[in-house]
Amino acid sequence: MPIYRRRATYIEVYEQNLPPISLADMDIQDGDQSTAPLTRVQKGRPRKQRVRAGEARIRNSTCGTCGEAGHNARSCRRPHM
């Protein structure tokens, strides 16, 4: 087993406490801007969004025949052309 993988070496290295660092001493340059990490698009079909109890979806359907809101072409009372 290599010397750097031994338990005794690990204990010896981390035996002393690391000194704390002050974030106030770190100067941020004007050009430095932190950005969010890049994310990947998940593979496969997205999961269906669950409609929880009491959260009814409100649909504003419009009729394909007359263009009015509140009903669809199947239940429209005007004659279809």
PDB file of N, CA and C in Angstrom:
ATOM      1  N   MET A   1       0.853  -1.175   0.000  1.00  0.00           N
ATOM      2  CA  MET A   1       0.000   0.000   0.000  1.00  0.00           C
ATOM      3  C   MET A   1       0.900   1.241   0.000  1.00  0.00           C
ATOM      4  N   PRO A   2       0.607   2.212  -0.879  1.00  0.00           N
ATOM      5  CA  PRO A   2       1.419   3.421  -0.921  1.00  0.00           C
ATOM      6  C   PRO A   2       1.319   4.210   0.381  1.00  0.00           C
ATOM      7  N   ILE A   3       2.325   4.995   0.648  1.00  0.00           N
ATOM      8  CA  ILE A   3       2.404   5.723   1.918  1.00  0.00           C
ATOM      9  C   ILE A   3       1.289   6.778   2.040  1.00  0.00           C
ATOM     10  N   TYR A   4       0.868   7.350   0.921  1.00  0.00           N
ATOM     11  CA  TYR A   4      -0.165   8.384   0.992  1.00  0.00           C
ATOM     12  C   TYR A   4      -1.558   7.819   1.225  1.00  0.00           C
ATOM     13  N   ARG A   5      -1.730   6.521   1.134  1.00  0.00           N
ATOM     14  CA  ARG A   5      -3.032   5.897   1.373  1.00  0.00           C
ATOM     15  C   ARG A   5      -3.152   5.307   2.774  1.00  0.00           C
ATOM     16  N   ARG A   6      -2.114   5.409   3.541  1.00  0.00           N
ATOM     17  CA  ARG A   6      -2.123   4.816   4.880  1.00  0.00           C
ATOM     18  C   ARG A   6      -2.862   5.706   5.872  1.00  0.00           C
ATOM     19  N   ARG A   7      -3.445   5.079   6.874  1.00  0.00           N
ATOM     20  CA  ARG A   7      -4.203   5.789   7.900  1.00  0.00           C
ATOM     21  C   ARG A   7      -3.302   6.703   8.721  1.00  0.00           C
ATOM     22  N   ALA A   8      -2.119   6.265   9.021  1.00  0.00           N
ATOM     23  CA  ALA A   8      -1.187   7.059   9.825  1.00  0.00           C
ATOM     24  C   ALA A   8      -0.809   8.353   9.095  1.00  0.00           C
ATOM     25  N   THR A   9      -0.637   8.282   7.790  1.00  0.00           N
ATOM     26  CA  THR A   9      -0.305   9.472   7.011  1.00  0.00           C
ATOM     27  C   THR A   9      -1.478  10.446   7.012  1.00  0.00           C
ATOM     28  N   TYR A  10      -2.675   9.944   6.874  1.00  0.00           N
ATOM     29  CA  TYR A  10      -3.871  10.777   6.891  1.00  0.00           C
ATOM     30  C   TYR A  10      -4.002  11.498   8.222  1.00  0.00           C
ATOM     31  N   ILE A  11      -3.818  10.796   9.304  1.00  0.00           N
ATOM     32  CA  ILE A  11      -3.926  11.398  10.639  1.00  0.00           C
ATOM     33  C   ILE A  11      -2.843  12.447  10.837  1.00  0.00           C
ATOM     34  N   GLU A  12      -1.655  12.163  10.368  1.00  0.00           N
ATOM     35  CA  GLU A  12      -0.536  13.102  10.512  1.00  0.00           C
ATOM     36  C   GLU A  12      -0.793  14.389   9.717  1.00  0.00           C
ATOM     37  N   VAL A  13      -1.327  14.271   8.534  1.00  0.00           N
ATOM     38  CA  VAL A  13      -1.568  15.449   7.695  1.00  0.00           C
ATOM     39  C   VAL A  13      -2.644  16.339   8.301  1.00  0.00           C
ATOM     40  N   TYR A  14      -3.741  15.744   8.770  1.00  0.00           N
ATOM     41  CA  TYR A  14      -4.865  16.523   9.275  1.00  0.00           C
ATOM     42  C   TYR A  14      -4.861  16.663  10.795  1.00  0.00           C
ATOM     43  N   GLU A  15      -3.726  16.453  11.411  1.00  0.00           N
ATOM     44  CA  GLU A  15      -3.610  16.565  12.864  1.00  0.00           C
ATOM     45  C   GLU A  15      -3.748  18.013  13.327  1.00  0.00           C
ATOM     46  N   GLN A  16      -3.191  18.939  12.578  1.00  0.00           N
ATOM     47  CA  GLN A  16      -3.255  20.346  12.951  1.00  0.00           C
ATOM     48  C   GLN A  16      -4.533  20.958  12.387  1.00  0.00           C
ATOM     49  N   ASN A  17      -5.068  21.916  13.136  1.00  0.00           N
ATOM     50  CA  ASN A  17      -6.269  22.609  12.675  1.00  0.00           C
ATOM     51  C   ASN A  17      -5.915  23.566  11.547  1.00  0.00           C
ATOM     52  N   LEU A  18      -6.847  23.704  10.611  1.00  0.00           N
ATOM     53  CA  LEU A  18      -6.651  24.666   9.541  1.00  0.00           C
ATOM     54  C   LEU A  18      -7.110  26.030  10.032  1.00  0.00           C
ATOM     55  N   PRO A  19      -6.344  27.083   9.747  1.00  0.00           N
ATOM     56  CA  PRO A  19      -6.756  28.413  10.220  1.00  0.00           C
ATOM     57  C   PRO A  19      -7.961  28.906   9.426  1.00  0.00           C
ATOM     58  N   PRO A  20      -8.887  29.595  10.086  1.00  0.00           N
ATOM     59  CA  PRO A  20     -10.047  30.122   9.362  1.00  0.00           C
ATOM     60  C   PRO A  20      -9.626  31.273   8.451  1.00  0.00           C
ATOM     61  N   ILE A  21     -10.376  31.466   7.379  1.00  0.00           N
ATOM     62  CA  ILE A  21     -10.085  32.563   6.473  1.00  0.00           C
ATOM     63  C   ILE A  21     -11.204  33.585   6.566  1.00  0.00           C
ATOM     64  N   SER A  22     -10.867  34.829   6.335  1.00  0.00           N
ATOM     65  CA  SER A  22     -11.842  35.900   6.386  1.00  0.00           C
ATOM     66  C   SER A  22     -12.284  36.228   4.970  1.00  0.00           C
ATOM     67  N   LEU A  23     -13.594  36.230   4.749  1.00  0.00           N
ATOM     68  CA  LEU A  23     -14.116  36.557   3.432  1.00  0.00           C
ATOM     69  C   LEU A  23     -14.061  38.050   3.153  1.00  0.00           C
ATOM     70  N   ALA A  24     -13.938  38.860   4.213  1.00  0.00           N
ATOM     71  CA  ALA A  24     -13.861  40.306   4.027  1.00  0.00           C
ATOM     72  C   ALA A  24     -12.548  40.702   3.363  1.00  0.00           C
ATOM     73  N   ASP A  25     -11.516  39.904   3.569  1.00  0.00           N
ATOM     74  CA  ASP A  25     -10.214  40.204   2.978  1.00  0.00           C
ATOM     75  C   ASP A  25     -10.153  39.876   1.487  1.00  0.00           C
ATOM     76  N   MET A  26     -11.070  39.092   1.014  1.00  0.00           N
ATOM     77  CA  MET A  26     -11.061  38.715  -0.399  1.00  0.00           C
ATOM     78  C   MET A  26     -11.716  39.817  -1.218  1.00  0.00           C
ATOM     79  N   ASP A  27     -10.966  40.385  -2.124  1.00  0.00           N
ATOM     80  CA  ASP A  27     -11.483  41.437  -2.994  1.00  0.00           C
ATOM     81  C   ASP A  27     -12.031  40.813  -4.260  1.00  0.00           C
ATOM     82  N   ILE A  28     -13.224  41.243  -4.629  1.00  0.00           N
ATOM     83  CA  ILE A  28     -13.834  40.767  -5.859  1.00  0.00           C
ATOM     84  C   ILE A  28     -13.584  41.809  -6.928  1.00  0.00           C
ATOM     85  N   GLN A  29     -13.015  41.376  -8.025  1.00  0.00           N
ATOM     86  CA  GLN A  29     -12.716  42.283  -9.129  1.00  0.00           C
ATOM     87  C   GLN A  29     -14.024  42.705  -9.791  1.00  0.00           C
ATOM     88  N   ASP A  30     -14.012  43.844 -10.440  1.00  0.00           N
ATOM     89  CA  ASP A  30     -15.213  44.345 -11.108  1.00  0.00           C
ATOM     90  C   ASP A  30     -15.659  43.429 -12.230  1.00  0.00           C
ATOM     91  N   GLY A  31     -14.740  42.810 -12.938  1.00  0.00           N
ATOM     92  CA  GLY A  31     -15.081  41.948 -14.055  1.00  0.00           C
ATOM     93  C   GLY A  31     -15.523  40.563 -13.625  1.00  0.00           C
ATOM     94  N   ASP A  32     -15.259  40.184 -12.391  1.00  0.00           N
ATOM     95  CA  ASP A  32     -15.617  38.851 -11.922  1.00  0.00           C
ATOM     96  C   ASP A  32     -17.088  38.823 -11.520  1.00  0.00           C
ATOM     97  N   GLN A  33     -17.824  37.939 -12.144  1.00  0.00           N
ATOM     98  CA  GLN A  33     -19.217  37.753 -11.782  1.00  0.00           C
ATOM     99  C   GLN A  33     -19.472  36.268 -11.679  1.00  0.00           C
ATOM    100  N   SER A  34     -20.130  35.893 -10.621  1.00  0.00           N
ATOM    101  CA  SER A  34     -20.451  34.477 -10.470  1.00  0.00           C
ATOM    102  C   SER A  34     -21.752  34.196 -11.214  1.00  0.00           C
ATOM    103  N   THR A  35     -21.803  33.074 -11.854  1.00  0.00           N
ATOM    104  CA  THR A  35     -22.993  32.678 -12.595  1.00  0.00           C
ATOM    105  C   THR A  35     -23.456  31.325 -12.095  1.00  0.00           C
ATOM    106  N   ALA A  36     -24.679  31.007 -12.377  1.00  0.00           N
ATOM    107  CA  ALA A  36     -25.232  29.717 -11.989  1.00  0.00           C
ATOM    108  C   ALA A  36     -24.564  28.621 -12.817  1.00  0.00           C
ATOM    109  N   PRO A  37     -24.412  27.444 -12.261  1.00  0.00           N
ATOM    110  CA  PRO A  37     -23.802  26.363 -13.021  1.00  0.00           C
ATOM    111  C   PRO A  37     -24.684  25.936 -14.182  1.00  0.00           C
ATOM    112  N   LEU A  38     -24.064  25.448 -15.231  1.00  0.00           N
ATOM    113  CA  LEU A  38     -24.812  24.979 -16.384  1.00  0.00           C
ATOM    114  C   LEU A  38     -25.540  23.698 -16.026  1.00  0.00           C
ATOM    115  N   THR A  39     -26.766  23.576 -16.478  1.00  0.00           N
ATOM    116  CA  THR A  39     -27.544  22.376 -16.199  1.00  0.00           C
ATOM    117  C   THR A  39     -27.798  21.636 -17.498  1.00  0.00           C
ATOM    118  N   ARG A  40     -28.091  20.380 -17.383  1.00  0.00           N
ATOM    119  CA  ARG A  40     -28.368  19.557 -18.542  1.00  0.00           C
ATOM    120  C   ARG A  40     -29.856  19.273 -18.625  1.00  0.00           C
ATOM    121  N   VAL A  41     -30.330  19.049 -19.827  1.00  0.00           N
ATOM    122  CA  VAL A  41     -31.707  18.646 -20.025  1.00  0.00           C
ATOM    123  C   VAL A  41     -31.779  17.153 -19.716  1.00  0.00           C
ATOM    124  N   GLN A  42     -32.717  16.790 -18.863  1.00  0.00           N
ATOM    125  CA  GLN A  42     -32.848  15.398 -18.465  1.00  0.00           C
ATOM    126  C   GLN A  42     -33.297  14.540 -19.637  1.00  0.00           C
ATOM    127  N   LYS A  43     -32.811  13.321 -19.693  1.00  0.00           N
ATOM    128  CA  LYS A  43     -33.187  12.402 -20.747  1.00  0.00           C
ATOM    129  C   LYS A  43     -34.574  11.834 -20.471  1.00  0.00           C
ATOM    130  N   GLY A  44     -35.263  11.491 -21.536  1.00  0.00           N
ATOM    131  CA  GLY A  44     -36.550  10.822 -21.403  1.00  0.00           C
ATOM    132  C   GLY A  44     -37.715  11.781 -21.340  1.00  0.00           C
ATOM    133  N   ARG A  45     -38.875  11.194 -21.226  1.00  0.00           N
ATOM    134  CA  ARG A  45     -40.109  11.972 -21.180  1.00  0.00           C
ATOM    135  C   ARG A  45     -40.235  12.641 -19.816  1.00  0.00           C
ATOM    136  N   PRO A  46     -40.643  13.922 -19.776  1.00  0.00           N
ATOM    137  CA  PRO A  46     -40.788  14.591 -18.489  1.00  0.00           C
ATOM    138  C   PRO A  46     -41.937  13.992 -17.680  1.00  0.00           C
ATOM    139  N   ARG A  47     -41.803  14.042 -16.375  1.00  0.00           N
ATOM    140  CA  ARG A  47     -42.839  13.508 -15.504  1.00  0.00           C
ATOM    141  C   ARG A  47     -44.070  14.386 -15.572  1.00  0.00           C
ATOM    142  N   LYS A  48     -45.237  13.764 -15.417  1.00  0.00           N
ATOM    143  CA  LYS A  48     -46.494  14.485 -15.455  1.00  0.00           C
ATOM    144  C   LYS A  48     -46.637  15.312 -14.182  1.00  0.00           C
ATOM    145  N   GLN A  49     -47.072  16.543 -14.345  1.00  0.00           N
ATOM    146  CA  GLN A  49     -47.276  17.400 -13.188  1.00  0.00           C
ATOM    147  C   GLN A  49     -48.570  16.985 -12.498  1.00  0.00           C
ATOM    148  N   ARG A  50     -48.471  16.629 -11.240  1.00  0.00           N
ATOM    149  CA  ARG A  50     -49.608  16.147 -10.481  1.00  0.00           C
ATOM    150  C   ARG A  50     -50.503  17.310 -10.072  1.00  0.00           C
ATOM    151  N   VAL A  51     -51.809  17.147 -10.255  1.00  0.00           N
ATOM    152  CA  VAL A  51     -52.771  18.140  -9.802  1.00  0.00           C
ATOM    153  C   VAL A  51     -53.210  17.714  -8.413  1.00  0.00           C
ATOM    154  N   ARG A  52     -52.843  18.483  -7.424  1.00  0.00           N
ATOM    155  CA  ARG A  52     -53.164  18.142  -6.042  1.00  0.00           C
ATOM    156  C   ARG A  52     -54.620  18.491  -5.733  1.00  0.00           C
ATOM    157  N   ALA A  53     -55.132  17.911  -4.673  1.00  0.00           N
ATOM    158  CA  ALA A  53     -56.522  18.134  -4.282  1.00  0.00           C
ATOM    159  C   ALA A  53     -56.737  19.614  -3.979  1.00  0.00           C
ATOM    160  N   GLY A  54     -57.798  20.166  -4.511  1.00  0.00           N
ATOM    161  CA  GLY A  54     -58.109  21.569  -4.271  1.00  0.00           C
ATOM    162  C   GLY A  54     -57.442  22.511  -5.252  1.00  0.00           C
ATOM    163  N   GLU A  55     -56.652  22.007  -6.161  1.00  0.00           N
ATOM    164  CA  GLU A  55     -55.975  22.842  -7.140  1.00  0.00           C
ATOM    165  C   GLU A  55     -56.526  22.530  -8.531  1.00  0.00           C
ATOM    166  N   ALA A  56     -57.758  22.894  -8.769  1.00  0.00           N
ATOM    167  CA  ALA A  56     -58.364  22.620 -10.068  1.00  0.00           C
ATOM    168  C   ALA A  56     -57.751  23.535 -11.117  1.00  0.00           C
ATOM    169  N   ARG A  57     -57.498  22.980 -12.275  1.00  0.00           N
ATOM    170  CA  ARG A  57     -56.959  23.785 -13.365  1.00  0.00           C
ATOM    171  C   ARG A  57     -58.106  24.530 -14.036  1.00  0.00           C
ATOM    172  N   ILE A  58     -57.894  25.777 -14.303  1.00  0.00           N
ATOM    173  CA  ILE A  58     -58.905  26.586 -14.973  1.00  0.00           C
ATOM    174  C   ILE A  58     -58.528  26.649 -16.446  1.00  0.00           C
ATOM    175  N   ARG A  59     -59.443  26.165 -17.295  1.00  0.00           N
ATOM    176  CA  ARG A  59     -59.194  26.180 -18.732  1.00  0.00           C
ATOM    177  C   ARG A  59     -60.100  27.218 -19.374  1.00  0.00           C
ATOM    178  N   ASN A  60     -59.528  28.039 -20.177  1.00  0.00           N
ATOM    179  CA  ASN A  60     -60.296  29.010 -20.935  1.00  0.00           C
ATOM    180  C   ASN A  60     -60.406  28.482 -22.357  1.00  0.00           C
ATOM    181  N   SER A  61     -61.428  27.651 -22.591  1.00  0.00           N
ATOM    182  CA  SER A  61     -61.590  27.064 -23.917  1.00  0.00           C
ATOM    183  C   SER A  61     -62.385  28.017 -24.794  1.00  0.00           C
ATOM    184  N   THR A  62     -62.036  28.031 -26.049  1.00  0.00           N
ATOM    185  CA  THR A  62     -62.779  28.839 -27.011  1.00  0.00           C
ATOM    186  C   THR A  62     -63.324  27.922 -28.089  1.00  0.00           C
ATOM    187  N   CYS A  63     -64.453  28.292 -28.611  1.00  0.00           N
ATOM    188  CA  CYS A  63     -65.128  27.506 -29.636  1.00  0.00           C
ATOM    189  C   CYS A  63     -64.429  27.708 -30.975  1.00  0.00           C
ATOM    190  N   GLY A  64     -64.258  26.616 -31.708  1.00  0.00           N
ATOM    191  CA  GLY A  64     -63.652  26.699 -33.022  1.00  0.00           C
ATOM    192  C   GLY A  64     -64.623  27.174 -34.085  1.00  0.00           C
ATOM    193  N   THR A  65     -65.920  27.129 -33.787  1.00  0.00           N
ATOM    194  CA  THR A  65     -66.934  27.537 -34.755  1.00  0.00           C
ATOM    195  C   THR A  65     -67.241  29.031 -34.656  1.00  0.00           C
ATOM    196  N   CYS A  66     -67.607  29.476 -33.448  1.00  0.00           N
ATOM    197  CA  CYS A  66     -68.021  30.873 -33.296  1.00  0.00           C
ATOM    198  C   CYS A  66     -66.940  31.749 -32.663  1.00  0.00           C
ATOM    199  N   GLY A  67     -65.935  31.149 -32.010  1.00  0.00           N
ATOM    200  CA  GLY A  67     -64.842  31.912 -31.412  1.00  0.00           C
ATOM    201  C   GLY A  67     -65.135  32.435 -30.019  1.00  0.00           C
ATOM    202  N   GLU A  68     -66.290  32.103 -29.448  1.00  0.00           N
ATOM    203  CA  GLU A  68     -66.625  32.564 -28.103  1.00  0.00           C
ATOM    204  C   GLU A  68     -65.986  31.666 -27.053  1.00  0.00           C
ATOM    205  N   ALA A  69     -65.754  32.232 -25.882  1.00  0.00           N
ATOM    206  CA  ALA A  69     -65.147  31.486 -24.788  1.00  0.00           C
ATOM    207  C   ALA A  69     -66.216  30.760 -23.990  1.00  0.00           C
ATOM    208  N   GLY A  70     -65.837  29.670 -23.331  1.00  0.00           N
ATOM    209  CA  GLY A  70     -66.747  28.982 -22.431  1.00  0.00           C
ATOM    210  C   GLY A  70     -67.283  27.668 -22.959  1.00  0.00           C
ATOM    211  N   HIS A  71     -67.128  27.386 -24.231  1.00  0.00           N
ATOM    212  CA  HIS A  71     -67.583  26.105 -24.772  1.00  0.00           C
ATOM    213  C   HIS A  71     -66.708  25.740 -25.963  1.00  0.00           C
ATOM    214  N   ASN A  72     -66.883  24.521 -26.456  1.00  0.00           N
ATOM    215  CA  ASN A  72     -66.113  24.096 -27.620  1.00  0.00           C
ATOM    216  C   ASN A  72     -67.040  23.902 -28.810  1.00  0.00           C
ATOM    217  N   ALA A  73     -66.480  23.517 -29.944  1.00  0.00           N
ATOM    218  CA  ALA A  73     -67.263  23.407 -31.173  1.00  0.00           C
ATOM    219  C   ALA A  73     -68.311  22.300 -31.083  1.00  0.00           C
ATOM    220  N   ARG A  74     -68.052  21.284 -30.308  1.00  0.00           N
ATOM    221  CA  ARG A  74     -69.003  20.176 -30.208  1.00  0.00           C
ATOM    222  C   ARG A  74     -70.300  20.598 -29.516  1.00  0.00           C
ATOM    223  N   SER A  75     -70.184  21.456 -28.511  1.00  0.00           N
ATOM    224  CA  SER A  75     -71.376  21.880 -27.781  1.00  0.00           C
ATOM    225  C   SER A  75     -71.892  23.246 -28.239  1.00  0.00           C
ATOM    226  N   CYS A  76     -71.415  23.755 -29.370  1.00  0.00           N
ATOM    227  CA  CYS A  76     -71.839  25.054 -29.874  1.00  0.00           C
ATOM    228  C   CYS A  76     -73.250  24.950 -30.443  1.00  0.00           C
ATOM    229  N   ARG A  77     -74.079  25.951 -30.170  1.00  0.00           N
ATOM    230  CA  ARG A  77     -75.464  25.952 -30.625  1.00  0.00           C
ATOM    231  C   ARG A  77     -75.622  26.591 -32.003  1.00  0.00           C
ATOM    232  N   ARG A  78     -74.590  27.250 -32.466  1.00  0.00           N
ATOM    233  CA  ARG A  78     -74.668  27.847 -33.794  1.00  0.00           C
ATOM    234  C   ARG A  78     -74.417  26.775 -34.842  1.00  0.00           C
ATOM    235  N   PRO A  79     -74.956  26.963 -36.012  1.00  0.00           N
ATOM    236  CA  PRO A  79     -74.758  25.965 -37.070  1.00  0.00           C
ATOM    237  C   PRO A  79     -73.308  25.934 -37.540  1.00  0.00           C
ATOM    238  N   HIS A  80     -72.811  24.737 -37.770  1.00  0.00           N
ATOM    239  CA  HIS A  80     -71.434  24.558 -38.245  1.00  0.00           C
ATOM    240  C   HIS A  80     -71.395  24.793 -39.750  1.00  0.00           C
ATOM    241  N   MET A  81     -70.353  25.407 -40.207  1.00  0.00           N
ATOM    242  CA  MET A  81     -70.252  25.677 -41.634  1.00  0.00           C
ATOM    243  C   MET A  81     -69.109  24.930 -42.248  1.00  0.00           C
TER     244      MET A  81
END
